[in-house]
Protein backbone atom coordinates (compact mmCIF):
# COMPACT_ATOMS: atom_id res chain seq x y z
CA MET A 1 9.53 9.73 6.22
CA LEU A 2 8.77 6.62 4.17
CA THR A 3 10.87 4.48 5.22
CA ALA A 4 10.38 4.94 9.91
CA THR A 5 6.85 4.61 10.18
CA ARG A 6 4.66 1.41 9.41
CA TRP A 7 1.67 3.28 6.80
CA THR A 8 -2.08 1.43 7.19
CA GLU A 9 -5.20 1.59 5.58
CA GLN A 10 -8.53 1.01 7.07
CA SER A 11 -11.67 0.07 4.65
CA THR A 12 -14.83 -1.64 4.73
CA ASP A 13 -15.64 -3.84 2.07
CA SER A 14 -20.06 -4.20 2.75
CA HIS A 15 -20.67 -6.34 -0.34
CA ASP A 16 -22.84 -8.34 2.28
CA PRO A 17 -24.56 -5.79 3.75
CA GLU A 18 -25.50 -8.42 6.61
CA ASN A 19 -21.56 -9.83 6.31
CA PRO A 20 -19.14 -7.11 6.46
CA ILE A 21 -15.63 -7.39 6.62
CA GLU A 22 -12.56 -4.91 7.58
CA CYS A 23 -9.75 -4.52 5.09
CA ARG A 24 -6.37 -4.08 6.83
CA GLN A 25 -2.84 -3.46 4.52
CA SER A 26 -0.41 -2.25 6.41
CA TRP A 27 3.34 -1.42 4.24
CA SER A 28 7.35 -1.29 5.79
CA PHE A 29 9.82 0.40 4.31
CA ASP A 30 13.01 -0.64 5.42
CA LYS A 31 16.32 1.86 3.60
CA LYS A 32 17.68 -1.31 2.16
CA GLY A 33 15.07 -1.83 -0.32
CA LYS A 34 12.87 -3.95 1.14
CA ALA A 35 9.12 -4.24 1.52
CA SER A 36 6.33 -6.20 3.42
CA VAL A 37 2.55 -5.71 3.58
CA THR A 38 -0.02 -8.01 5.79
CA TYR A 39 -3.31 -7.59 4.56
CA LYS A 40 -5.55 -8.65 7.64
CA TRP A 41 -9.10 -8.96 6.55
CA THR A 42 -12.54 -9.48 9.59
CA ASP A 43 -15.58 -9.79 10.44
CA LYS A 44 -17.89 -8.54 12.48
CA ASP A 45 -17.42 -10.70 14.72
CA GLY A 46 -13.95 -9.99 15.05
CA ASN A 47 -12.68 -13.54 13.71
CA THR A 48 -9.98 -13.18 10.92
CA THR A 49 -11.72 -14.40 7.83
CA TYR A 50 -7.42 -13.55 5.59
CA ASN A 51 -3.94 -13.05 6.34
CA GLU A 52 -1.16 -12.82 3.82
CA THR A 53 2.27 -10.42 4.21
CA GLN A 54 2.98 -10.37 0.81
CA TYR A 55 7.23 -9.69 0.24
CA TYR A 56 8.74 -7.11 -2.03
CA ASP A 57 11.89 -4.93 -3.35
CA TRP A 58 11.35 -1.49 -3.51
CA THR A 59 13.03 1.22 -5.45
CA PHE A 60 12.17 5.24 -6.72
CA THR A 61 12.17 5.24 -10.55
CA THR A 62 11.95 9.16 -10.33
CA GLU A 63 15.18 12.17 -9.26
CA ASN A 64 12.66 13.78 -7.08
CA PHE A 65 11.84 10.69 -5.54
CA ALA A 66 8.04 10.76 -6.85
CA VAL A 67 6.78 7.15 -7.89
CA ILE A 68 8.00 4.18 -5.66
CA TYR A 69 8.71 0.59 -8.03
CA LEU A 70 7.35 -2.19 -5.73
CA TYR A 71 8.54 -5.51 -7.63
CA SER A 72 8.20 -9.12 -6.79
CA ALA A 73 8.54 -11.87 -9.00
CA THR A 74 5.52 -13.76 -7.09
CA HIS A 75 3.18 -10.96 -6.50
CA GLY A 76 4.12 -8.01 -9.46
CA ASP A 77 4.76 -4.69 -10.13
CA LEU A 78 3.28 -1.86 -8.81
CA PHE A 79 4.19 1.31 -9.28
CA TRP A 80 2.75 4.14 -6.45
CA LEU A 81 3.10 8.28 -7.52
CA ILE A 82 3.89 10.18 -4.41
CA GLU A 83 1.17 11.88 -3.94
CA LYS A 84 1.35 13.78 -0.01
CA LEU A 85 3.64 12.33 2.27
CA THR A 86 3.75 13.83 5.52
CA ALA A 87 4.38 12.12 9.24
CA ASP A 88 1.35 10.99 9.29
CA GLU A 89 -0.83 10.25 6.15
CA LEU A 90 1.02 8.67 3.31
CA ARG A 91 -1.69 9.60 -0.52
CA VAL A 92 -0.56 8.21 -3.36
CA LYS A 93 -1.58 6.64 -6.88
CA ALA A 94 -1.46 2.89 -7.68
CA ALA A 95 -0.93 2.02 -10.78
CA VAL A 96 0.58 -1.62 -13.03
CA MET A 97 3.01 0.62 -15.06
CA ASP A 98 4.94 3.98 -14.41
CA PRO A 99 2.59 7.25 -13.86
CA VAL A 100 4.98 9.88 -15.12
CA LEU A 101 6.39 7.55 -18.05
CA ASN A 102 2.01 6.28 -19.34
CA PRO A 103 -0.13 9.07 -17.52
CA THR A 104 -3.18 7.53 -18.93
CA ILE A 105 -2.98 4.64 -16.94
CA PRO A 106 -5.80 3.61 -13.90
CA GLN A 107 -4.74 4.57 -10.76
CA ARG A 108 -6.51 4.05 -7.66
CA ARG A 109 -5.94 6.41 -4.55
CA ILE A 110 -4.69 4.75 -1.42
CA VAL A 111 -4.39 6.62 1.57
CA LEU A 112 -2.19 5.04 4.52
CA GLN A 113 -1.83 6.67 8.03
CA ALA A 114 0.79 6.43 10.25
CA THR A 115 0.17 3.67 12.96
CA MET A 116 3.80 2.80 13.96
CA ARG A 117 7.06 4.39 14.53
C-alpha cells in the first residue's frame, strides 16, 4: 500500500488571517527505495508562492516495518513511526531520530490521504 499510492497532506497556514496560505505536501515511495515529496503553497488568489520537490532514499528500520527511515544528503534524516496504514490513509509520527530507539524525541503527527493509485 505504501508504494502504490501518492500520499498528500493539505493544511492552511493562517498566521496572517488576511492572507491564508494553502500548504500541500505530496509523497511518493517506489519499491526500489526512492521517495520524493513536493511542497506547494498557494495564496488565497490561487497563485503558487512556493513549489519545491525534494528527493530521499528510504527503507524500513524495524523487522515489523513500523518505522520508515528517509535520508537525504541535502535535506537530512527523517523517521516516520507508522500509526496507521490503509488504502486511504497513512498516519505517522515524524521525528529526526528513530522514535522506537528514542521514545522521548519530539514527534509531529502527519496524516496523509491517498490521492492517486
